Amino acid sequence: MNFKKFFELAKLNGLESADIEEVRSKSLSIEIFKGEIVSYSVSIDKNFTARGIYNGKMGFVSVESDDKSTPEYIVKTIKEAASLNESSDEAIIFKGSPKYKKKRVYNERLSSFGAEEAIKMLHEIEDKLYAKSDKIKDVEVGFSLSDNSSVLANSYGLNLKTKNNYFYFYAEIVLSENENETKSAFDIFFDNDLDKFDLDKFVDELVEKGLSKLNGESIESGKHKIVLKENCVASLLAAAISNASSESVQKHSSVFEGKLNQKIFSSKITIEERPLEKNLFYTYFDDECVATCNKKIIDKGVLKTFFYNLATAKKDGVETTGNARGRGSKMGIGFTNIFLKPGKLSEEQLFEKIEEGVYVTSLAGLHAGLNPVSGDFSLQAEGFHIKGGKLGKALKLFTLSGNLFKVFNDVIALGNNSKLLSSSINSVSMAVKNLKISAE
């Protein structure tokens, strides 16, 4: 689209200011089951989202078409939307930050990786999984490749560009040793550097994970010392720090309200947001064109800042933190590249430290079973006994319950096994004093 024409039309039609984003994306997805390609899709998309201020109100539109009439249609729709906007929030189009820290994260080699090679690798993963054990009854494998670029410009002359790509392989196996027990295991590897994908290691770790779940034993209900695997810590952490949204605080729906610069977690907990970290989740500006910055959210247990966009920052009389998310007429709050500072102990040393307890490896039902405001949770879980400081046998399914804010206050130690997860949280394993377990 001709952005210049759009901004000229916006001015002629009385828009005080405007911005527009063009997003182009290409994706390839393949899924194989029992040697057959059961899903194959290729998509190429282009989308425009635009905002504008008319009579002091914000209007918004999103379109996929791109022809000579598109700029005129966008301007007309923005005016209509603004006229219907009853929000009392001040409408803001940001002029631009003094400096942006742009880094190159696009992988040229990945852009030429094709479906034929991906299918060959998927068949190899499938064959090797079946060959590892006759207890593996079904295997599903998949691959996805995404290539994205965007341009975000405004009527003040700002023009910001991004380009990124990434891939992931995933596999799920179903295992059975007898008619009375069936278990499944899933794993995913994502990156934008194909050289980092070790196919044999991926297969071996998934098979080991699946086989370890068989022949689970029961556990006595009650309170137990716990080691949470890094993915479980990440799930609880995401729910906890959602309370750092300034929007939630201003709506009085956050447990962090009134606790800025106060100790809310164990002094062992330091949490940073690093949007400028050079990885898959790197972003140098937010959805309002504000330059992002790395910052501590919680420093040795002390809450140091909330997440702000322009509107919520103005209400509190502070600077935005560059955490605007969403391209609608009303901006939301989001975060990315969250880093939980690692400890010094390996997982094995965490087991030794608690001596007797439970190693929790997965949590389910987070949306229904966890209240991020009160912090109370009751979740279906999988895991293993810890006996004599060593990892023991797998456990049958159990329910894990407690309060997530208490979890991050009852920290015994943090692991050194830092891992970046698909949730954009870089997490570690964590030992906590106790949580309630109910046997199923």
Protein backbone atom coordinates (compact mmCIF):
# COMPACT_ATOMS: atom_id res chain seq x y z
CA MET A 1 0.00 0.00 0.00
CA ASN A 2 1.03 3.57 -0.63
CA PHE A 3 1.49 4.84 2.95
CA LYS A 4 2.11 8.38 1.71
CA LYS A 5 -1.31 8.47 0.06
CA PHE A 6 -2.93 7.11 3.23
CA PHE A 7 -1.41 9.83 5.42
CA GLU A 8 -2.34 12.54 2.89
CA LEU A 9 -5.96 11.33 2.83
CA ALA A 10 -5.98 11.11 6.62
CA LYS A 11 -4.96 14.76 6.90
CA LEU A 12 -7.45 15.90 4.27
CA ASN A 13 -10.25 14.10 6.11
CA GLY A 14 -9.56 15.74 9.44
CA LEU A 15 -7.58 13.03 11.23
CA GLU A 16 -5.33 14.69 13.77
CA SER A 17 -2.74 11.91 13.51
CA ALA A 18 -2.62 8.29 12.38
CA ASP A 19 -0.47 5.19 12.22
CA ILE A 20 -0.60 2.07 10.06
CA GLU A 21 1.06 -1.34 10.15
CA GLU A 22 1.54 -3.73 7.26
CA VAL A 23 2.28 -7.34 8.21
CA ARG A 24 3.35 -9.96 5.67
CA SER A 25 3.62 -13.59 6.71
CA LYS A 26 4.40 -16.90 5.05
CA SER A 27 3.96 -20.23 6.77
CA LEU A 28 4.42 -23.93 6.08
CA SER A 29 2.90 -26.64 8.29
CA ILE A 30 3.22 -30.41 7.88
CA GLU A 31 1.95 -33.27 10.04
CA ILE A 32 2.69 -36.97 9.65
CA PHE A 33 0.90 -39.89 11.31
CA LYS A 34 1.65 -43.57 10.68
CA GLY A 35 3.87 -42.73 7.75
CA GLU A 36 1.29 -40.63 5.95
CA ILE A 37 1.08 -36.87 5.50
CA VAL A 38 -2.20 -36.06 7.23
CA SER A 39 -1.88 -32.29 7.09
CA TYR A 40 -0.04 -29.98 4.71
CA SER A 41 -0.66 -26.27 4.42
CA VAL A 42 1.06 -23.27 2.92
CA SER A 43 -0.21 -19.76 3.50
CA ILE A 44 0.82 -16.29 2.39
CA ASP A 45 -0.97 -13.45 4.12
CA LYS A 46 -0.89 -9.67 4.15
CA ASN A 47 -2.78 -7.54 6.64
CA PHE A 48 -3.09 -3.84 7.41
CA THR A 49 -4.11 -2.36 10.74
CA ALA A 50 -4.52 1.38 11.10
CA ARG A 51 -5.47 3.80 13.84
CA GLY A 52 -6.34 7.46 13.72
CA ILE A 53 -7.57 10.26 15.98
CA TYR A 54 -10.69 12.10 14.86
CA ASN A 55 -12.37 14.71 17.08
CA GLY A 56 -10.20 13.54 19.96
CA LYS A 57 -11.32 9.91 19.69
CA MET A 58 -9.41 6.88 18.44
CA GLY A 59 -10.69 4.88 15.47
CA PHE A 60 -9.34 1.53 14.30
CA VAL A 61 -9.61 -0.69 11.24
CA SER A 62 -8.06 -3.94 10.03
CA VAL A 63 -8.14 -5.02 6.37
CA GLU A 64 -6.55 -7.61 4.10
CA SER A 65 -7.31 -6.02 0.73
CA ASP A 66 -4.71 -3.87 -0.97
CA ASP A 67 -5.86 -1.94 -4.02
CA LYS A 68 -6.29 1.69 -5.09
CA SER A 69 -9.39 2.13 -2.95
CA THR A 70 -7.88 0.71 0.25
CA PRO A 71 -6.38 3.95 1.69
CA GLU A 72 -9.69 5.78 1.22
CA TYR A 73 -11.65 2.92 2.77
CA ILE A 74 -9.30 2.82 5.80
CA VAL A 75 -9.60 6.56 6.44
CA LYS A 76 -13.40 6.46 6.12
CA THR A 77 -13.68 3.49 8.50
CA ILE A 78 -11.38 5.11 11.06
CA LYS A 79 -13.58 8.21 11.13
CA GLU A 80 -16.72 6.10 11.57
CA ALA A 81 -15.14 4.04 14.35
CA ALA A 82 -13.85 7.15 16.14
CA SER A 83 -17.32 8.73 15.99
CA LEU A 84 -18.73 5.67 17.80
CA ASN A 85 -15.94 5.50 20.38
CA GLU A 86 -17.31 6.37 23.84
CA SER A 87 -14.10 5.78 25.78
CA SER A 88 -12.96 8.58 28.08
CA ASP A 89 -9.30 7.62 27.66
CA GLU A 90 -7.11 10.14 25.90
CA ALA A 91 -6.31 9.11 22.32
CA ILE A 92 -2.56 9.07 21.67
CA ILE A 93 -0.48 8.46 18.54
CA PHE A 94 3.14 8.37 19.68
CA LYS A 95 5.58 10.49 17.65
CA GLY A 96 8.56 8.20 18.24
CA SER A 97 11.37 7.44 20.68
CA PRO A 98 14.75 9.23 20.47
CA LYS A 99 16.58 5.96 19.84
CA TYR A 100 15.77 2.38 18.84
CA LYS A 101 18.09 -0.60 19.43
CA LYS A 102 17.61 -2.63 16.27
CA LYS A 103 19.26 -6.04 15.87
CA ARG A 104 19.23 -8.52 13.03
CA VAL A 105 17.52 -11.78 13.99
CA TYR A 106 16.42 -13.03 10.56
CA ASN A 107 18.05 -16.29 9.39
CA GLU A 108 18.61 -16.33 5.62
CA ARG A 109 19.35 -20.04 5.49
CA LEU A 110 16.06 -20.90 7.13
CA SER A 111 14.18 -18.86 4.53
CA SER A 112 15.29 -21.35 1.85
CA PHE A 113 14.43 -24.49 3.83
CA GLY A 114 11.77 -26.36 1.87
CA ALA A 115 8.95 -28.81 2.41
CA GLU A 116 10.78 -31.74 0.81
CA GLU A 117 13.61 -31.59 3.31
CA ALA A 118 11.19 -31.09 6.22
CA ILE A 119 9.15 -34.16 5.20
CA LYS A 120 12.30 -36.25 4.96
CA MET A 121 13.29 -35.25 8.50
CA LEU A 122 9.78 -35.93 9.84
CA HIS A 123 9.84 -39.48 8.44
CA GLU A 124 13.25 -39.98 10.00
CA ILE A 125 12.01 -38.81 13.40
CA GLU A 126 8.97 -41.09 13.15
CA ASP A 127 11.00 -44.15 12.10
CA LYS A 128 13.56 -43.67 14.86
CA LEU A 129 10.87 -43.23 17.50
CA TYR A 130 9.13 -46.48 16.55
CA ALA A 131 12.48 -48.29 16.48
CA LYS A 132 13.38 -47.25 20.01
CA SER A 133 10.78 -49.37 21.81
CA ASP A 134 7.94 -51.78 21.05
CA LYS A 135 6.02 -50.02 23.83
CA ILE A 136 5.54 -47.06 21.50
CA LYS A 137 2.20 -47.69 19.79
CA ASP A 138 1.53 -44.40 17.97
CA VAL A 139 3.67 -41.51 16.80
CA GLU A 140 2.60 -38.11 15.52
CA VAL A 141 5.23 -35.70 14.21
CA GLY A 142 4.98 -32.21 12.79
CA PHE A 143 6.90 -29.26 11.46
CA SER A 144 6.08 -25.59 11.10
CA LEU A 145 7.99 -22.73 9.50
CA SER A 146 7.01 -19.07 9.81
CA ASP A 147 8.49 -16.07 8.00
CA ASN A 148 7.24 -12.61 8.97
CA SER A 149 7.93 -8.98 8.20
CA SER A 150 6.20 -5.78 9.25
CA VAL A 151 6.32 -2.04 8.71
CA LEU A 152 4.81 0.32 11.28
CA ALA A 153 4.63 3.99 10.26
CA ASN A 154 2.87 7.09 11.50
CA SER A 155 1.91 10.55 10.27
CA TYR A 156 4.85 12.09 12.14
CA GLY A 157 7.27 10.43 9.73
CA LEU A 158 8.24 7.45 11.87
CA ASN A 159 8.93 4.22 9.95
CA LEU A 160 9.85 1.05 11.86
CA LYS A 161 10.58 -2.33 10.26
CA THR A 162 10.97 -5.87 11.57
CA LYS A 163 11.78 -9.19 9.95
CA ASN A 164 11.96 -12.56 11.65
CA ASN A 165 11.57 -16.26 11.01
CA TYR A 166 11.50 -19.44 13.07
CA PHE A 167 10.69 -23.14 12.87
CA TYR A 168 9.66 -25.90 15.20
CA PHE A 169 9.58 -29.68 15.16
CA TYR A 170 7.25 -31.49 17.51
CA ALA A 171 6.44 -35.10 18.28
CA GLU A 172 3.98 -36.97 20.46
CA ILE A 173 4.21 -40.65 21.31
CA VAL A 174 1.62 -42.95 22.86
CA LEU A 175 3.04 -45.81 24.92
CA SER A 176 1.50 -48.89 26.46
CA GLU A 177 2.93 -51.82 28.38
CA ASN A 178 -0.35 -53.48 29.16
CA GLU A 179 -4.05 -53.00 28.47
CA ASN A 180 -4.60 -51.12 31.70
CA GLU A 181 -2.06 -48.34 31.19
CA THR A 182 -1.53 -45.90 28.36
CA LYS A 183 0.76 -42.88 28.59
CA SER A 184 1.74 -40.12 26.20
CA ALA A 185 4.74 -37.83 25.94
CA PHE A 186 5.24 -34.69 23.90
CA ASP A 187 8.22 -32.54 23.04
CA ILE A 188 8.90 -29.53 20.86
CA PHE A 189 12.06 -27.88 19.57
CA PHE A 190 11.89 -24.32 18.25
CA ASP A 191 14.56 -21.93 17.00
CA ASN A 192 15.55 -20.11 13.84
CA ASP A 193 18.89 -21.92 13.44
CA LEU A 194 18.51 -25.39 11.92
CA ASP A 195 22.03 -26.33 13.00
CA LYS A 196 20.86 -26.30 16.62
CA PHE A 197 18.34 -29.09 16.01
CA ASP A 198 19.86 -32.45 17.02
CA LEU A 199 17.41 -34.99 15.64
CA ASP A 200 18.83 -38.00 17.51
CA LYS A 201 18.92 -36.13 20.82
CA PHE A 202 15.32 -35.00 20.28
CA VAL A 203 14.23 -38.62 19.69
CA ASP A 204 16.19 -40.05 22.61
CA GLU A 205 14.90 -37.50 25.11
CA LEU A 206 11.28 -37.96 24.05
CA VAL A 207 11.49 -41.76 24.32
CA GLU A 208 13.15 -41.51 27.72
CA LYS A 209 10.43 -39.11 28.86
CA GLY A 210 7.67 -41.47 27.66
CA LEU A 211 9.11 -44.70 29.06
CA SER A 212 9.73 -43.11 32.45
CA LYS A 213 6.00 -42.51 32.85
CA LEU A 214 5.04 -46.19 32.72
CA ASN A 215 4.25 -48.23 35.83
CA GLY A 216 3.41 -45.21 37.96
CA GLU A 217 2.95 -45.69 41.69
CA SER A 218 0.57 -44.01 44.07
CA ILE A 219 1.51 -41.25 46.48
CA GLU A 220 0.11 -40.46 49.87
CA SER A 221 -2.09 -37.35 49.93
CA GLY A 222 -0.78 -34.46 52.00
CA LYS A 223 1.88 -31.77 51.95
CA HIS A 224 5.18 -32.62 50.28
CA LYS A 225 8.39 -30.83 49.48
CA ILE A 226 8.39 -30.08 45.77
CA VAL A 227 10.81 -29.55 42.89
CA LEU A 228 9.01 -27.88 39.99
CA LYS A 229 10.41 -28.49 36.51
CA GLU A 230 11.23 -25.30 34.57
CA ASN A 231 8.09 -25.47 32.40
CA CYS A 232 5.88 -25.69 35.52
CA VAL A 233 7.68 -22.73 37.09
CA ALA A 234 7.14 -20.76 33.87
CA SER A 235 3.39 -21.42 33.91
CA LEU A 236 3.03 -20.23 37.49
CA LEU A 237 5.36 -17.30 36.89
CA ALA A 238 3.35 -16.05 33.91
CA ALA A 239 0.19 -16.04 36.02
CA ALA A 240 1.91 -14.28 38.90
CA ILE A 241 3.50 -11.45 36.93
CA SER A 242 0.30 -10.78 34.99
CA ASN A 243 -0.53 -8.87 38.18
CA ALA A 244 2.24 -6.39 37.24
CA SER A 245 0.01 -5.03 34.46
CA SER A 246 -0.62 -1.36 35.23
CA GLU A 247 -4.06 -1.73 33.68
CA SER A 248 -4.98 -4.42 36.23
CA VAL A 249 -3.55 -2.29 39.03
CA GLN A 250 -5.57 0.76 37.96
CA LYS A 251 -8.71 -1.37 37.79
CA HIS A 252 -8.00 -2.61 41.35
CA SER A 253 -7.88 -6.21 40.14
CA SER A 254 -4.21 -6.87 40.90
CA VAL A 255 -2.77 -8.29 44.09
CA PHE A 256 0.32 -6.12 43.43
CA GLU A 257 -1.64 -2.88 43.90
CA GLY A 258 0.09 -0.61 46.42
CA LYS A 259 3.14 -2.89 46.64
CA LEU A 260 5.60 -1.08 44.38
CA ASN A 261 9.11 -1.16 45.90
CA GLN A 262 7.91 -3.65 48.49
CA LYS A 263 9.09 -7.23 48.98
CA ILE A 264 6.51 -9.59 47.48
CA PHE A 265 8.58 -12.72 46.73
CA SER A 266 11.53 -14.57 48.22
CA SER A 267 14.81 -12.67 47.98
CA LYS A 268 16.01 -15.56 45.79
CA ILE A 269 13.64 -14.37 43.02
CA THR A 270 14.81 -11.86 40.42
CA ILE A 271 12.72 -11.47 37.27
CA GLU A 272 13.63 -9.37 34.23
CA GLU A 273 11.90 -8.54 30.99
CA ARG A 274 14.47 -8.50 28.18
CA PRO A 275 12.72 -7.62 24.90
CA LEU A 276 16.12 -6.67 23.45
CA GLU A 277 17.59 -10.13 24.05
CA LYS A 278 18.67 -11.50 20.67
CA ASN A 279 16.41 -14.53 20.32
CA LEU A 280 13.09 -15.51 18.74
CA PHE A 281 11.12 -13.08 20.90
CA TYR A 282 13.31 -10.02 20.34
CA THR A 283 11.37 -6.82 19.71
CA TYR A 284 12.78 -3.29 19.67
CA PHE A 285 9.46 -1.42 19.77
CA ASP A 286 5.99 -2.06 21.13
CA ASP A 287 2.64 -1.72 19.37
CA GLU A 288 2.57 2.03 20.03
CA CYS A 289 6.00 2.57 18.38
CA VAL A 290 7.69 3.06 21.78
CA ALA A 291 11.26 1.77 22.01
CA THR A 292 11.49 -1.24 24.32
CA CYS A 293 14.07 -1.66 27.07
CA ASN A 294 15.38 -4.41 29.31
CA LYS A 295 14.27 -3.96 32.93
CA LYS A 296 13.95 -5.68 36.27
CA ILE A 297 10.38 -6.41 37.29
CA ILE A 298 11.27 -8.04 40.58
CA ASP A 299 14.72 -7.59 42.11
CA LYS A 300 15.59 -9.98 44.94
CA GLY A 301 11.91 -10.29 45.76
CA VAL A 302 11.13 -6.55 45.53
CA LEU A 303 8.58 -5.32 42.97
CA LYS A 304 10.38 -2.61 40.97
CA THR A 305 7.93 -1.60 38.24
CA PHE A 306 4.61 -2.27 36.57
CA PHE A 307 4.15 -2.87 32.84
CA TYR A 308 2.88 0.34 31.19
CA ASN A 309 1.55 1.53 27.85
CA LEU A 310 1.09 5.22 27.00
CA ALA A 311 -2.42 5.57 28.43
CA THR A 312 -1.79 3.79 31.73
CA ALA A 313 1.55 5.60 32.16
CA LYS A 314 -0.16 8.97 31.77
CA LYS A 315 -2.72 8.04 34.44
CA ASP A 316 0.08 7.28 36.91
CA GLY A 317 2.27 10.20 35.82
CA VAL A 318 5.18 7.97 34.78
CA GLU A 319 6.96 6.99 31.58
CA THR A 320 5.66 4.09 29.52
CA THR A 321 7.74 0.91 29.81
CA GLY A 322 7.10 -0.04 26.17
CA ASN A 323 4.65 -2.84 26.96
CA ALA A 324 1.73 -1.88 24.71
CA ARG A 325 0.17 -4.90 23.01
CA GLY A 326 -2.64 -5.07 20.49
CA ARG A 327 -3.51 -2.95 17.48
CA GLY A 328 -7.08 -2.05 18.42
CA SER A 329 -8.43 1.37 19.33
CA LYS A 330 -7.69 0.48 22.96
CA MET A 331 -4.16 -0.76 23.69
CA GLY A 332 -3.59 -3.62 26.08
CA ILE A 333 -0.56 -4.61 28.16
CA GLY A 334 1.81 -7.49 27.44
CA PHE A 335 5.30 -8.75 28.10
CA THR A 336 7.91 -10.88 26.36
CA ASN A 337 11.31 -12.46 26.99
CA ILE A 338 10.84 -12.90 30.72
CA PHE A 339 13.98 -14.16 32.47
CA LEU A 340 13.97 -15.81 35.89
CA LYS A 341 17.50 -15.46 37.27
CA PRO A 342 19.04 -18.95 37.67
CA GLY A 343 20.42 -20.35 40.89
CA LYS A 344 23.61 -22.37 41.31
CA LEU A 345 22.28 -25.91 41.70
CA SER A 346 21.62 -28.59 39.10
CA GLU A 347 18.31 -30.44 39.20
CA GLU A 348 20.08 -33.39 40.80
CA GLN A 349 21.36 -31.10 43.55
CA LEU A 350 17.82 -29.76 44.06
CA PHE A 351 16.68 -33.37 44.61
CA GLU A 352 19.47 -33.86 47.11
CA LYS A 353 18.54 -30.66 48.92
CA ILE A 354 14.93 -31.66 49.61
CA GLU A 355 15.79 -35.37 50.18
CA GLU A 356 12.18 -36.59 50.19
CA GLY A 357 9.41 -35.13 48.05
CA VAL A 358 7.98 -34.90 44.55
CA TYR A 359 9.42 -33.75 41.22
CA VAL A 360 6.53 -32.14 39.30
CA THR A 361 7.08 -32.32 35.52
CA SER A 362 3.81 -31.08 34.05
CA LEU A 363 0.70 -29.13 35.03
CA ALA A 364 -2.68 -29.16 33.29
CA GLY A 365 -5.87 -27.14 33.62
CA LEU A 366 -4.18 -23.78 34.20
CA HIS A 367 -7.01 -21.74 32.68
CA ALA A 368 -9.71 -23.27 34.82
CA GLY A 369 -7.72 -24.30 37.87
CA LEU A 370 -5.69 -21.17 38.64
CA ASN A 371 -6.90 -17.76 39.77
CA PRO A 372 -4.15 -15.24 38.92
CA VAL A 373 -5.59 -12.60 41.26
CA SER A 374 -6.00 -14.68 44.43
CA GLY A 375 -3.16 -16.98 43.39
CA ASP A 376 -5.01 -20.13 44.45
CA PHE A 377 -4.61 -23.13 42.16
CA SER A 378 -5.62 -26.76 41.94
CA LEU A 379 -4.10 -28.49 38.92
CA GLN A 380 -3.75 -31.96 37.52
CA ALA A 381 -0.08 -32.91 37.59
CA GLU A 382 2.44 -35.54 36.60
CA GLY A 383 5.72 -36.25 38.30
CA PHE A 384 8.11 -38.56 40.15
CA HIS A 385 8.99 -39.50 43.68
CA ILE A 386 12.16 -38.05 45.16
CA LYS A 387 13.59 -40.53 47.67
CA GLY A 388 16.88 -40.25 49.50
CA GLY A 389 17.77 -37.21 47.40
CA LYS A 390 17.44 -39.21 44.17
CA LEU A 391 14.80 -39.26 41.45
CA GLY A 392 12.49 -42.19 42.01
CA LYS A 393 9.64 -43.85 40.15
CA ALA A 394 6.90 -42.16 38.20
CA LEU A 395 3.70 -41.29 40.00
CA LYS A 396 0.14 -41.83 38.93
CA LEU A 397 -1.76 -38.63 38.12
CA PHE A 398 -2.30 -36.40 41.14
CA THR A 399 -3.69 -32.97 41.96
CA LEU A 400 -1.30 -30.24 43.03
CA SER A 401 -2.77 -27.31 44.94
CA GLY A 402 -1.56 -24.22 46.72
CA ASN A 403 -1.10 -20.50 46.21
CA LEU A 404 1.29 -19.24 43.55
CA PHE A 405 2.36 -16.17 45.56
CA LYS A 406 3.22 -18.45 48.48
CA VAL A 407 5.14 -20.67 46.06
CA PHE A 408 7.43 -17.78 45.10
CA ASN A 409 7.89 -16.90 48.77
CA ASP A 410 8.62 -20.46 49.89
CA VAL A 411 11.63 -20.98 47.63
CA ILE A 412 14.30 -23.33 48.94
CA ALA A 413 16.61 -23.01 45.92
CA LEU A 414 16.65 -22.33 42.17
CA GLY A 415 18.22 -24.51 39.52
CA ASN A 416 20.87 -23.51 37.00
CA ASN A 417 19.07 -25.22 34.08
CA SER A 418 17.90 -22.06 32.33
CA LYS A 419 15.67 -22.84 29.32
CA LEU A 420 13.78 -20.59 26.91
CA LEU A 421 10.25 -21.90 26.46
CA SER A 422 7.67 -21.25 23.75
CA SER A 423 5.81 -18.98 26.18
CA SER A 424 8.80 -16.56 25.81
CA ILE A 425 9.74 -17.22 29.44
CA ASN A 426 13.32 -18.26 30.23
CA SER A 427 12.80 -20.41 33.30
CA VAL A 428 14.61 -22.74 35.70
CA SER A 429 13.60 -25.56 38.01
CA MET A 430 12.76 -24.57 41.57
CA ALA A 431 12.55 -26.31 44.94
CA VAL A 432 9.80 -25.11 47.29
CA LYS A 433 8.99 -25.89 50.92
CA ASN A 434 5.73 -27.73 50.35
CA LEU A 435 2.56 -27.99 48.32
CA LYS A 436 -0.54 -30.08 48.82
CA ILE A 437 -0.88 -33.27 46.80
CA SER A 438 -4.13 -35.21 46.46
CA ALA A 439 -3.89 -38.69 45.01
CA GLU A 440 -6.37 -39.45 42.24
